[in-house]
N, C-alpha and C. Protein backbone atom coordinates (compact mmCIF):
# COMPACT_ATOMS: atom_id res chain seq x y z
N MET A 1 83.05 -81.40 253.41
CA MET A 1 83.81 -82.34 252.31
C MET A 1 84.31 -81.43 251.26
N LYS A 2 83.78 -80.63 250.95
CA LYS A 2 84.34 -79.93 249.91
C LYS A 2 85.38 -79.18 250.13
N HIS A 3 85.30 -78.68 251.75
CA HIS A 3 86.46 -77.88 252.31
C HIS A 3 87.72 -78.45 252.31
N TRP A 4 87.40 -79.89 252.58
CA TRP A 4 88.91 -80.65 252.68
C TRP A 4 89.31 -80.81 251.24
N ILE A 5 88.47 -80.97 250.31
CA ILE A 5 89.00 -81.19 248.90
C ILE A 5 89.80 -80.13 248.36
N SER A 6 89.22 -78.75 248.57
CA SER A 6 89.76 -77.62 248.41
C SER A 6 91.14 -77.30 249.14
N LEU A 7 91.16 -77.86 250.30
CA LEU A 7 92.62 -77.68 250.99
C LEU A 7 93.58 -78.73 250.31
N ALA A 8 92.88 -80.02 250.21
CA ALA A 8 94.08 -80.85 249.56
C ALA A 8 94.72 -80.34 248.49
N LEU A 9 93.73 -79.86 247.22
CA LEU A 9 94.10 -79.10 245.97
C LEU A 9 95.05 -78.10 246.10
N ALA A 10 94.91 -77.18 247.22
CA ALA A 10 95.68 -75.95 247.54
C ALA A 10 96.99 -76.35 247.93
N ALA A 11 97.10 -77.59 249.01
CA ALA A 11 98.28 -78.11 249.27
C ALA A 11 98.98 -78.64 248.13
N ALA A 12 98.42 -79.26 247.18
CA ALA A 12 98.93 -79.93 246.10
C ALA A 12 99.76 -79.14 245.09
N LEU A 13 99.00 -77.92 244.87
CA LEU A 13 99.56 -76.69 244.16
C LEU A 13 100.62 -76.37 244.74
N LEU A 14 100.88 -76.00 246.07
CA LEU A 14 102.06 -75.51 246.74
C LEU A 14 103.23 -76.33 246.37
N ILE A 15 102.90 -77.72 247.00
CA ILE A 15 104.00 -78.71 246.72
C ILE A 15 104.77 -78.51 245.40
N TYR A 16 103.73 -78.75 244.31
CA TYR A 16 104.15 -78.64 242.84
C TYR A 16 105.11 -77.37 242.52
N GLY A 17 104.62 -76.10 243.09
CA GLY A 17 105.16 -75.00 242.77
C GLY A 17 106.54 -74.86 243.33
N ALA A 18 106.71 -75.36 244.34
CA ALA A 18 107.98 -75.44 245.10
C ALA A 18 108.94 -76.41 244.51
N THR A 19 108.23 -77.26 243.86
CA THR A 19 109.43 -78.44 243.18
C THR A 19 109.67 -77.78 241.85
N ALA A 20 108.91 -77.22 241.09
CA ALA A 20 109.13 -76.53 239.96
C ALA A 20 110.02 -75.32 240.13
N SER A 21 109.95 -74.69 241.08
CA SER A 21 111.06 -73.45 241.32
C SER A 21 112.39 -73.93 241.79
N GLY A 22 112.19 -75.24 241.90
CA GLY A 22 113.65 -75.74 242.57
C GLY A 22 114.40 -76.26 241.48
N GLU A 23 113.84 -76.58 240.17
CA GLU A 23 114.46 -76.93 239.23
C GLU A 23 115.46 -75.72 238.30
N THR A 24 116.43 -76.28 238.10
CA THR A 24 117.53 -75.27 237.37
C THR A 24 117.28 -75.71 235.98
N ALA A 25 117.14 -74.56 235.04
CA ALA A 25 117.14 -74.82 233.73
C ALA A 25 118.57 -74.71 233.02
N GLU A 26 118.80 -75.29 232.22
CA GLU A 26 120.08 -75.43 231.36
C GLU A 26 120.44 -74.04 230.81
N PRO A 27 121.60 -73.42 230.87
CA PRO A 27 121.65 -72.06 230.23
C PRO A 27 121.83 -72.29 228.73
N LEU A 28 121.29 -71.24 227.91
CA LEU A 28 121.24 -71.26 226.44
C LEU A 28 122.53 -71.46 225.96
N ALA A 29 123.12 -72.21 224.99
CA ALA A 29 124.56 -72.42 224.64
C ALA A 29 124.78 -70.74 223.82
N GLN A 30 125.98 -70.52 224.24
CA GLN A 30 126.33 -69.02 223.70
C GLN A 30 127.01 -69.41 222.15
N PRO A 31 126.96 -68.56 221.24
CA PRO A 31 127.54 -68.71 220.01
C PRO A 31 128.86 -68.55 220.16
N ARG A 32 129.76 -69.41 219.57
CA ARG A 32 131.22 -69.36 219.39
C ARG A 32 131.68 -68.29 218.85
N PRO A 33 132.82 -67.61 219.19
CA PRO A 33 133.23 -66.32 218.49
C PRO A 33 133.95 -66.92 216.96
N PRO A 34 133.92 -66.44 216.05
CA PRO A 34 134.57 -66.80 214.51
C PRO A 34 136.11 -67.11 214.94
N GLN A 35 136.44 -68.53 214.38
CA GLN A 35 137.67 -68.65 214.58
C GLN A 35 138.66 -68.45 213.31
N PRO A 36 139.80 -67.82 213.60
CA PRO A 36 140.71 -67.24 212.32
C PRO A 36 141.08 -68.22 211.58
N ALA A 37 141.10 -67.95 210.23
CA ALA A 37 141.36 -69.05 209.17
C ALA A 37 142.76 -69.57 209.56
N PRO A 38 143.08 -70.97 209.31
CA PRO A 38 144.28 -71.37 209.47
C PRO A 38 145.31 -70.51 208.52
N GLN A 39 146.67 -70.28 209.09
CA GLN A 39 147.68 -69.74 208.08
C GLN A 39 148.42 -70.52 207.70
N LEU A 40 148.91 -70.62 206.16
CA LEU A 40 149.60 -71.57 205.80
C LEU A 40 151.31 -70.96 206.03
N VAL A 41 151.99 -71.97 206.14
CA VAL A 41 153.24 -71.71 206.20
C VAL A 41 154.06 -72.38 205.30
N TRP A 42 154.98 -71.52 204.51
CA TRP A 42 155.61 -71.93 203.14
C TRP A 42 156.40 -73.14 203.53
N ASN A 43 156.91 -73.16 204.94
CA ASN A 43 158.00 -74.59 204.92
C ASN A 43 157.09 -75.59 205.79
N ALA A 44 155.90 -75.56 205.87
CA ALA A 44 155.04 -76.62 206.65
C ALA A 44 155.08 -77.89 205.93
N VAL A 45 155.20 -78.98 206.47
CA VAL A 45 155.18 -80.27 206.07
C VAL A 45 153.81 -80.78 206.01
N THR A 46 153.23 -81.34 204.77
CA THR A 46 151.82 -81.55 204.78
C THR A 46 152.09 -82.91 204.75
N PRO A 47 151.43 -83.92 205.48
CA PRO A 47 151.41 -85.39 205.45
C PRO A 47 150.73 -85.82 203.98
N PRO A 48 151.37 -86.98 203.53
CA PRO A 48 150.95 -87.19 202.32
C PRO A 48 149.31 -87.70 202.50
N ALA A 49 148.64 -87.57 201.56
CA ALA A 49 147.00 -87.87 201.46
C ALA A 49 147.11 -89.48 201.27
N ALA A 50 146.07 -89.96 201.79
CA ALA A 50 145.92 -91.57 201.64
C ALA A 50 145.57 -91.95 200.24
N PRO A 51 146.22 -92.75 199.64
CA PRO A 51 145.81 -93.12 198.27
C PRO A 51 144.61 -93.48 198.11
N LEU A 52 143.88 -93.12 196.77
CA LEU A 52 142.70 -93.36 196.32
C LEU A 52 142.63 -94.59 195.95
N PRO A 53 141.46 -95.37 196.31
CA PRO A 53 141.36 -96.80 195.78
C PRO A 53 141.31 -96.89 194.23
N PRO A 54 141.71 -98.07 193.67
CA PRO A 54 141.72 -97.95 192.17
C PRO A 54 140.77 -97.38 191.43
N GLN A 55 139.45 -97.78 191.96
CA GLN A 55 138.25 -97.52 191.09
C GLN A 55 137.95 -95.87 191.37
N GLN A 56 138.58 -95.10 192.24
CA GLN A 56 138.42 -93.69 192.34
C GLN A 56 139.66 -92.86 192.05
N ALA A 57 140.39 -93.48 191.19
CA ALA A 57 141.63 -92.80 190.64
C ALA A 57 141.49 -91.29 190.25
N ALA A 58 142.45 -90.33 190.77
CA ALA A 58 142.05 -89.20 190.35
C ALA A 58 142.50 -88.87 188.88
N VAL A 59 141.74 -88.06 188.34
CA VAL A 59 141.89 -87.77 186.70
C VAL A 59 142.51 -86.57 186.70
N PRO A 60 143.67 -86.30 185.86
CA PRO A 60 144.24 -84.98 185.71
C PRO A 60 143.44 -84.02 185.03
N ALA A 61 143.53 -82.89 185.72
CA ALA A 61 142.80 -81.70 185.26
C ALA A 61 142.98 -80.97 183.88
N VAL A 62 144.56 -81.14 183.71
CA VAL A 62 145.17 -80.95 182.29
C VAL A 62 145.83 -81.91 181.79
N GLU A 63 145.54 -82.26 180.50
CA GLU A 63 146.39 -83.34 179.79
C GLU A 63 147.78 -82.65 179.48
N ALA A 64 148.90 -83.32 179.49
CA ALA A 64 149.96 -82.99 179.14
C ALA A 64 150.18 -82.76 177.59
N ALA A 65 150.74 -81.96 177.15
CA ALA A 65 150.86 -81.51 175.88
C ALA A 65 151.59 -82.54 175.11
N PRO A 66 151.14 -82.96 173.79
CA PRO A 66 151.91 -83.99 173.04
C PRO A 66 153.54 -83.57 172.98
N PRO A 67 154.21 -84.58 172.92
CA PRO A 67 155.75 -84.34 172.52
C PRO A 67 156.14 -83.63 171.09
N SER A 68 156.90 -83.05 170.97
CA SER A 68 157.15 -82.28 169.52
C SER A 68 157.75 -83.49 168.75
N ALA A 69 157.58 -83.51 167.56
CA ALA A 69 158.30 -84.27 166.57
C ALA A 69 159.73 -84.64 166.76
N GLU A 70 160.23 -85.66 166.87
CA GLU A 70 161.47 -85.72 167.21
C GLU A 70 162.51 -85.45 165.84
N ILE A 71 163.54 -85.39 165.80
CA ILE A 71 164.40 -85.09 164.80
C ILE A 71 165.08 -86.37 164.49
N ASP A 72 165.50 -86.59 163.14
CA ASP A 72 166.41 -87.99 162.91
C ASP A 72 167.57 -87.62 163.48
N VAL A 73 167.94 -88.68 164.35
CA VAL A 73 169.30 -88.35 164.95
C VAL A 73 170.56 -88.88 164.15
N VAL A 74 170.11 -89.66 163.16
CA VAL A 74 171.13 -89.92 162.32
C VAL A 74 171.53 -88.97 161.63
N ASP A 75 170.50 -88.09 161.05
CA ASP A 75 170.52 -86.93 160.08
C ASP A 75 171.48 -85.95 161.06
N ALA A 76 171.19 -85.73 162.33
CA ALA A 76 171.65 -84.78 163.22
C ALA A 76 173.36 -85.17 163.57
N HIS A 77 173.41 -86.61 163.70
CA HIS A 77 174.83 -86.97 163.97
C HIS A 77 175.83 -86.43 162.65
N TRP A 78 175.33 -87.03 161.44
CA TRP A 78 176.21 -86.65 160.28
C TRP A 78 176.25 -85.30 160.24
N MET A 79 175.27 -84.59 160.24
CA MET A 79 175.26 -83.16 160.06
C MET A 79 176.43 -82.56 161.02
N ALA A 80 176.55 -82.88 162.18
CA ALA A 80 177.19 -82.45 163.23
C ALA A 80 178.72 -82.74 162.81
N LEU A 81 178.78 -84.15 162.38
CA LEU A 81 180.27 -84.62 162.13
C LEU A 81 180.58 -83.44 160.80
N THR A 82 179.79 -83.30 159.96
CA THR A 82 180.50 -82.52 158.80
C THR A 82 180.65 -81.09 159.13
N MET A 83 179.82 -80.42 160.05
CA MET A 83 180.10 -79.23 160.54
C MET A 83 181.11 -79.15 161.26
N TRP A 84 181.52 -80.23 162.05
CA TRP A 84 182.82 -80.03 163.05
C TRP A 84 183.96 -80.16 161.92
N GLY A 85 183.80 -81.23 161.29
CA GLY A 85 185.16 -81.31 160.17
C GLY A 85 185.22 -80.25 159.14
N GLU A 86 184.54 -79.59 158.90
CA GLU A 86 184.66 -78.43 157.83
C GLU A 86 184.90 -76.95 158.55
N ALA A 87 184.34 -76.98 159.63
CA ALA A 87 184.56 -75.70 160.25
C ALA A 87 184.83 -75.50 161.86
N ARG A 88 185.23 -76.37 162.22
CA ARG A 88 185.56 -76.11 164.02
C ARG A 88 186.32 -75.33 164.50
N ARG A 89 187.25 -74.73 163.55
CA ARG A 89 188.30 -73.63 163.70
C ARG A 89 187.54 -72.24 163.57
N GLU A 90 186.11 -72.32 163.02
CA GLU A 90 185.63 -71.14 162.71
C GLU A 90 184.65 -70.88 163.88
N GLY A 91 184.65 -71.50 165.10
CA GLY A 91 183.91 -71.38 166.05
C GLY A 91 182.42 -71.55 165.64
N GLU A 92 181.52 -71.39 166.73
CA GLU A 92 180.04 -71.95 166.18
C GLU A 92 179.23 -71.19 165.24
N THR A 93 179.78 -69.83 164.87
CA THR A 93 179.24 -69.21 163.71
C THR A 93 179.65 -69.85 162.62
N GLY A 94 180.72 -70.27 162.60
CA GLY A 94 181.11 -70.99 161.08
C GLY A 94 180.72 -72.31 161.22
N MET A 95 180.49 -73.02 162.30
CA MET A 95 179.79 -74.28 162.07
C MET A 95 178.41 -74.28 161.89
N ARG A 96 177.53 -73.34 162.23
CA ARG A 96 176.31 -73.13 162.05
C ARG A 96 176.22 -72.77 160.38
N ALA A 97 177.04 -72.07 160.00
CA ALA A 97 176.80 -71.75 158.61
C ALA A 97 176.87 -72.72 157.61
N VAL A 98 177.93 -73.76 158.12
CA VAL A 98 177.93 -75.01 157.23
C VAL A 98 176.75 -75.88 157.42
N GLY A 99 176.43 -75.99 158.58
CA GLY A 99 174.95 -76.53 158.78
C GLY A 99 174.00 -76.37 158.02
N HIS A 100 173.67 -74.94 157.86
CA HIS A 100 172.75 -74.44 157.16
C HIS A 100 172.82 -74.64 155.63
N VAL A 101 174.12 -74.78 155.19
CA VAL A 101 174.07 -74.91 153.85
C VAL A 101 173.80 -76.55 153.65
N ILE A 102 174.13 -77.44 154.60
CA ILE A 102 173.65 -78.70 154.36
C ILE A 102 172.19 -78.86 154.48
N ASP A 103 171.57 -78.07 155.30
CA ASP A 103 169.85 -77.97 155.27
C ASP A 103 169.49 -77.72 154.41
N ASN A 104 170.04 -76.34 153.53
CA ASN A 104 169.50 -75.91 152.47
C ASN A 104 169.47 -76.76 151.50
N ARG A 105 170.72 -77.30 150.97
CA ARG A 105 170.65 -78.50 149.99
C ARG A 105 169.60 -79.73 150.18
N ARG A 106 169.55 -79.97 151.43
CA ARG A 106 168.38 -80.93 151.76
C ARG A 106 167.25 -80.48 151.33
N LYS A 107 166.88 -79.29 151.87
CA LYS A 107 165.43 -78.90 151.44
C LYS A 107 165.16 -78.50 149.93
N SER A 108 166.28 -78.32 149.31
CA SER A 108 166.22 -77.89 147.79
C SER A 108 165.68 -79.30 146.85
N GLY A 109 166.02 -80.43 147.64
CA GLY A 109 165.67 -81.63 146.86
C GLY A 109 166.55 -81.91 145.66
N ARG A 110 167.61 -81.41 145.48
CA ARG A 110 168.72 -81.45 144.49
C ARG A 110 169.82 -82.14 145.09
N HIS A 111 169.97 -82.37 146.27
CA HIS A 111 171.23 -82.98 146.89
C HIS A 111 171.01 -83.96 148.04
N GLY A 112 169.83 -84.77 147.73
CA GLY A 112 169.44 -85.81 148.61
C GLY A 112 168.26 -85.30 149.39
N VAL A 113 167.34 -86.32 149.73
CA VAL A 113 166.40 -85.74 150.82
C VAL A 113 166.68 -85.67 152.20
N TYR A 114 167.97 -86.33 152.46
CA TYR A 114 168.40 -86.36 154.02
C TYR A 114 169.53 -85.79 153.98
N ALA A 115 170.00 -85.28 155.42
CA ALA A 115 171.10 -84.73 155.63
C ALA A 115 172.40 -85.69 155.17
N THR A 116 171.94 -87.03 155.70
CA THR A 116 173.06 -88.04 155.46
C THR A 116 173.27 -88.24 153.72
N ASP A 117 172.26 -88.01 153.00
CA ASP A 117 172.66 -87.94 151.72
C ASP A 117 173.25 -86.97 151.33
N THR A 118 173.07 -85.73 151.71
CA THR A 118 173.52 -84.37 151.11
C THR A 118 175.20 -84.72 151.66
N VAL A 119 175.74 -85.09 152.71
CA VAL A 119 177.20 -84.88 153.42
C VAL A 119 177.76 -86.08 152.52
N SER A 120 177.23 -87.28 152.32
CA SER A 120 177.78 -88.20 151.83
C SER A 120 177.93 -87.98 150.32
N ALA A 121 177.50 -87.31 149.71
CA ALA A 121 177.88 -87.03 148.19
C ALA A 121 179.17 -86.92 147.81
N ALA A 122 179.88 -87.53 146.89
CA ALA A 122 181.09 -87.44 146.59
C ALA A 122 181.71 -86.23 146.23
N TYR A 123 182.72 -85.64 146.93
CA TYR A 123 183.39 -84.51 146.48
C TYR A 123 182.60 -83.11 146.76
N GLN A 124 181.60 -83.24 147.61
CA GLN A 124 180.91 -81.89 147.96
C GLN A 124 181.20 -81.35 149.37
N PHE A 125 181.89 -82.27 150.32
CA PHE A 125 182.08 -81.41 151.43
C PHE A 125 183.79 -82.08 151.71
N SER A 126 184.71 -81.21 151.66
CA SER A 126 186.08 -81.83 151.58
C SER A 126 186.60 -82.58 152.74
N CYS A 127 186.02 -82.57 153.81
CA CYS A 127 186.48 -83.27 155.25
C CYS A 127 186.21 -84.59 154.88
N TRP A 128 185.18 -85.03 154.06
CA TRP A 128 185.06 -86.59 153.81
C TRP A 128 186.06 -87.32 152.47
N ASN A 129 186.75 -86.28 152.11
CA ASN A 129 187.54 -86.63 151.00
C ASN A 129 188.70 -87.59 151.43
N GLU A 130 189.02 -88.77 150.89
CA GLU A 130 190.20 -89.48 151.12
C GLU A 130 191.36 -88.81 151.15
N GLY A 131 192.30 -88.68 152.14
CA GLY A 131 193.66 -88.12 152.19
C GLY A 131 193.48 -86.54 152.78
N ASP A 132 192.31 -86.26 152.86
CA ASP A 132 191.90 -84.90 153.79
C ASP A 132 192.36 -85.25 155.19
N PRO A 133 193.06 -84.15 155.76
CA PRO A 133 193.50 -84.42 157.19
C PRO A 133 192.35 -84.34 158.15
N ASN A 134 191.35 -83.83 157.65
CA ASN A 134 190.10 -83.72 158.63
C ASN A 134 189.32 -85.19 158.56
N ARG A 135 189.57 -85.84 157.59
CA ARG A 135 188.89 -87.35 157.54
C ARG A 135 189.42 -87.99 158.72
N ARG A 136 190.68 -87.88 158.82
CA ARG A 136 191.29 -88.93 159.82
C ARG A 136 190.83 -88.54 161.26
N ALA A 137 190.42 -86.92 161.48
CA ALA A 137 190.20 -86.65 162.66
C ALA A 137 188.58 -87.20 162.68
N LEU A 138 187.80 -87.13 161.83
CA LEU A 138 186.61 -87.71 161.81
C LEU A 138 186.39 -89.17 162.01
N ASP A 139 187.35 -89.94 161.60
CA ASP A 139 187.61 -91.48 161.73
C ASP A 139 187.88 -91.54 163.19
N ASN A 140 188.48 -90.62 164.02
CA ASN A 140 188.81 -91.09 165.28
C ASN A 140 188.15 -90.00 166.31
N ILE A 141 186.55 -89.70 165.84
CA ILE A 141 185.77 -88.69 166.45
C ILE A 141 185.66 -89.27 168.05
N ASP A 142 185.43 -90.78 168.27
CA ASP A 142 185.12 -91.21 169.33
C ASP A 142 186.22 -91.02 170.42
N ARG A 143 187.48 -91.00 170.06
CA ARG A 143 188.53 -90.78 170.88
C ARG A 143 188.82 -89.59 171.50
N LEU A 144 187.76 -88.40 171.08
CA LEU A 144 187.99 -87.18 171.50
C LEU A 144 187.97 -87.20 173.13
N SER A 145 188.74 -86.20 173.66
CA SER A 145 188.75 -86.07 175.01
C SER A 145 187.34 -84.99 175.03
N PRO A 146 186.45 -85.47 175.92
CA PRO A 146 185.20 -84.13 176.24
C PRO A 146 185.68 -83.04 176.63
N ASP A 147 186.71 -82.87 177.21
CA ASP A 147 187.35 -81.70 177.72
C ASP A 147 188.12 -80.91 176.87
N SER A 148 188.66 -81.69 175.77
CA SER A 148 189.41 -80.91 174.97
C SER A 148 188.83 -79.73 174.14
N VAL A 149 189.57 -79.03 173.28
CA VAL A 149 189.15 -77.94 172.44
C VAL A 149 188.16 -78.70 171.49
N ASP A 150 188.61 -79.65 170.55
CA ASP A 150 187.80 -80.29 169.92
C ASP A 150 186.65 -81.00 170.40
N GLY A 151 186.67 -81.83 171.53
CA GLY A 151 185.83 -82.16 172.10
C GLY A 151 184.41 -81.20 172.51
N ARG A 152 184.95 -80.08 172.93
CA ARG A 152 183.91 -79.19 173.22
C ARG A 152 183.11 -78.54 171.94
N ALA A 153 184.09 -78.44 171.01
CA ALA A 153 183.44 -77.99 169.65
C ALA A 153 182.49 -79.06 169.13
N PHE A 154 182.78 -80.32 169.26
CA PHE A 154 181.71 -81.41 168.71
C PHE A 154 180.54 -81.22 169.65
N ARG A 155 180.56 -81.09 170.52
CA ARG A 155 179.42 -80.77 171.62
C ARG A 155 178.62 -79.70 171.11
N ALA A 156 179.22 -78.65 170.68
CA ALA A 156 178.56 -77.65 170.28
C ALA A 156 177.96 -77.78 168.77
N ALA A 157 178.75 -78.47 168.09
CA ALA A 157 178.16 -78.82 166.71
C ALA A 157 176.86 -79.86 166.74
N LYS A 158 176.93 -80.78 167.60
CA LYS A 158 175.62 -81.54 167.99
C LYS A 158 174.41 -80.68 168.23
N ARG A 159 174.63 -79.61 169.40
CA ARG A 159 173.48 -78.95 169.53
C ARG A 159 173.10 -78.27 168.39
N ILE A 160 173.98 -77.48 167.62
CA ILE A 160 173.56 -76.72 166.60
C ILE A 160 172.96 -77.39 165.62
N ALA A 161 173.34 -78.71 165.23
CA ALA A 161 172.61 -79.53 164.13
C ALA A 161 171.32 -79.73 164.72
N ALA A 162 170.89 -80.11 166.00
CA ALA A 162 169.56 -80.09 166.58
C ALA A 162 168.78 -78.93 166.27
N GLU A 163 169.46 -77.82 166.51
CA GLU A 163 168.83 -76.52 166.42
C GLU A 163 168.14 -76.29 165.09
N ILE A 164 169.00 -76.52 164.02
CA ILE A 164 169.02 -76.35 162.72
C ILE A 164 167.69 -77.26 162.14
N LEU A 165 167.69 -78.68 162.62
CA LEU A 165 166.84 -79.28 162.01
C LEU A 165 165.37 -79.37 162.54
N GLU A 166 165.33 -78.65 163.94
CA GLU A 166 164.35 -78.50 164.63
C GLU A 166 163.51 -77.01 163.93
N GLY A 167 164.22 -76.17 163.28
CA GLY A 167 163.93 -75.15 162.77
C GLY A 167 164.05 -73.78 163.72
N ARG A 168 164.93 -73.97 164.82
CA ARG A 168 165.23 -73.18 165.52
C ARG A 168 166.27 -72.08 165.57
N SER A 169 166.90 -72.01 164.30
CA SER A 169 168.15 -71.57 163.96
C SER A 169 167.97 -70.74 162.74
N ALA A 170 168.41 -69.43 163.02
CA ALA A 170 168.40 -68.39 161.58
C ALA A 170 169.67 -68.60 160.80
N ASP A 171 169.30 -68.90 159.67
CA ASP A 171 170.21 -69.04 158.58
C ASP A 171 171.21 -67.80 158.37
N PRO A 172 172.33 -67.82 158.80
CA PRO A 172 173.36 -66.73 158.42
C PRO A 172 173.87 -66.57 156.87
N THR A 173 173.63 -67.94 156.28
CA THR A 173 174.41 -67.77 155.17
C THR A 173 173.41 -66.97 153.78
N GLY A 174 172.15 -66.64 154.28
CA GLY A 174 171.16 -66.00 153.18
C GLY A 174 170.69 -67.17 152.04
N GLY A 175 170.70 -68.61 152.46
CA GLY A 175 170.26 -69.40 151.61
C GLY A 175 171.21 -70.38 150.77
N ALA A 176 172.48 -70.02 151.24
CA ALA A 176 173.43 -70.65 150.45
C ALA A 176 173.28 -71.97 150.07
N LEU A 177 173.76 -72.40 148.94
CA LEU A 177 173.97 -73.85 148.76
C LEU A 177 175.19 -74.37 148.47
N PHE A 178 176.26 -73.29 148.46
CA PHE A 178 177.54 -73.83 148.11
C PHE A 178 178.66 -72.89 148.99
N TYR A 179 179.90 -73.15 149.17
CA TYR A 179 180.70 -72.37 149.75
C TYR A 179 182.27 -72.95 149.62
N HIS A 180 183.13 -72.19 150.04
CA HIS A 180 184.61 -72.44 149.79
C HIS A 180 185.35 -71.52 150.63
N THR A 181 186.67 -71.93 150.89
CA THR A 181 187.52 -71.12 151.74
C THR A 181 188.06 -70.16 150.93
N ASN A 182 188.42 -68.81 151.12
CA ASN A 182 189.10 -67.91 150.53
C ASN A 182 190.33 -68.16 150.25
N ALA A 183 190.95 -69.35 150.60
CA ALA A 183 192.34 -69.72 150.13
C ALA A 183 192.25 -70.27 148.94
N VAL A 184 190.98 -70.78 148.11
CA VAL A 184 190.93 -71.46 146.81
C VAL A 184 190.09 -70.79 146.06
N ALA A 185 190.26 -71.08 144.83
CA ALA A 185 189.16 -70.56 143.66
C ALA A 185 188.92 -71.37 142.83
N PRO A 186 187.95 -72.30 143.30
CA PRO A 186 187.50 -73.37 142.36
C PRO A 186 186.87 -72.95 141.08
N ARG A 187 186.70 -73.95 140.05
CA ARG A 187 186.17 -73.45 138.68
C ARG A 187 184.67 -73.03 138.98
N TRP A 188 184.13 -73.68 139.79
CA TRP A 188 182.62 -73.35 139.94
C TRP A 188 182.25 -72.25 140.22
N SER A 189 183.11 -71.43 141.07
CA SER A 189 182.48 -70.38 141.41
C SER A 189 183.38 -69.11 140.96
N ALA A 190 183.92 -69.33 139.70
CA ALA A 190 184.71 -68.09 138.83
C ALA A 190 183.54 -67.17 138.48
N GLY A 191 183.82 -66.15 138.72
CA GLY A 191 182.54 -64.81 138.19
C GLY A 191 181.29 -64.72 138.79
N ILE A 192 181.30 -65.77 140.22
CA ILE A 192 179.92 -65.58 140.94
C ILE A 192 180.15 -64.88 142.27
N PRO A 193 179.48 -63.98 142.46
CA PRO A 193 179.73 -63.08 143.80
C PRO A 193 179.37 -63.81 144.69
N PRO A 194 180.01 -63.91 145.97
CA PRO A 194 179.50 -64.81 146.96
C PRO A 194 178.15 -63.67 147.54
N VAL A 195 177.44 -64.44 148.37
CA VAL A 195 176.59 -63.67 149.00
C VAL A 195 176.64 -63.33 150.59
N ARG A 196 177.59 -64.18 151.06
CA ARG A 196 178.06 -63.87 152.33
C ARG A 196 179.60 -64.51 152.64
N ARG A 197 180.06 -63.73 153.52
CA ARG A 197 181.58 -64.22 153.80
C ARG A 197 181.57 -64.19 155.37
N ILE A 198 181.58 -65.34 155.72
CA ILE A 198 181.70 -65.66 157.01
C ILE A 198 183.06 -66.75 157.80
N GLY A 199 183.61 -65.89 158.48
CA GLY A 199 185.08 -66.49 158.80
C GLY A 199 185.87 -66.42 157.50
N SER A 200 186.36 -67.54 157.24
CA SER A 200 186.98 -67.91 156.09
C SER A 200 186.55 -68.51 154.93
N HIS A 201 185.28 -68.63 154.96
CA HIS A 201 184.45 -69.10 154.26
C HIS A 201 183.43 -67.99 153.52
N LEU A 202 183.47 -68.32 151.88
CA LEU A 202 182.62 -67.59 151.11
C LEU A 202 181.43 -68.43 150.65
N PHE A 203 180.08 -68.05 150.79
CA PHE A 203 178.98 -68.52 150.43
C PHE A 203 178.27 -68.07 149.30
N PHE A 204 177.71 -68.98 148.41
CA PHE A 204 177.35 -68.70 147.24
C PHE A 204 175.71 -69.58 146.97
N LEU A 205 174.92 -68.80 146.30
CA LEU A 205 173.43 -69.38 146.06
C LEU A 205 173.45 -70.20 144.57
N THR A 206 174.41 -70.04 143.91
CA THR A 206 174.50 -70.98 142.49
C THR A 206 176.12 -71.40 142.47
N ALA A 207 176.13 -72.21 141.36
CA ALA A 207 177.30 -72.68 140.92
C ALA A 207 177.49 -73.17 139.74
N ARG A 208 178.71 -73.05 138.71
CA ARG A 208 178.68 -73.24 137.53
C ARG A 208 178.87 -74.77 137.34
């Protein structure tokens, strides 16, 4: 009996070994070679990202700088008009000089707080005097052709006025508060040496 049991066990072991040896083991996964990083192409079109839901709205990384203080557009306009009326034939240099006299007067506190006060004071800027030929031109400033010589000069005057009021213009007059053309000799400048001569205008720090 034992002999038959031994034979049965041996046969079972042989059958098991044959079955086990017939199974095929799955090969081990081979590591993938490293893939090169994608190259960015300068003209590649990237599809737009899906919008974030309202509760996940992106927060800007850097806040925008606060806007600079705006200039008084009325002051700038009247300064530009006066610069144009007084010195448009003197080019940008001459108009800038007149603009700085207006600004120097405004800053001194003795000729009005605003440029509009300064230029509207009676008999201070001849272009505003009744009967002055420049007054008629100023009254018709809106009829200027933008491409005319005077039209281009007025655009330059507006740009320069903004630069002066924003503090981005150097004063070519040396701080002058007064000026007149070299074609006249008013009493207020008698015996006072000018501090600058710019074009046909003489500039003074003081007046009689």
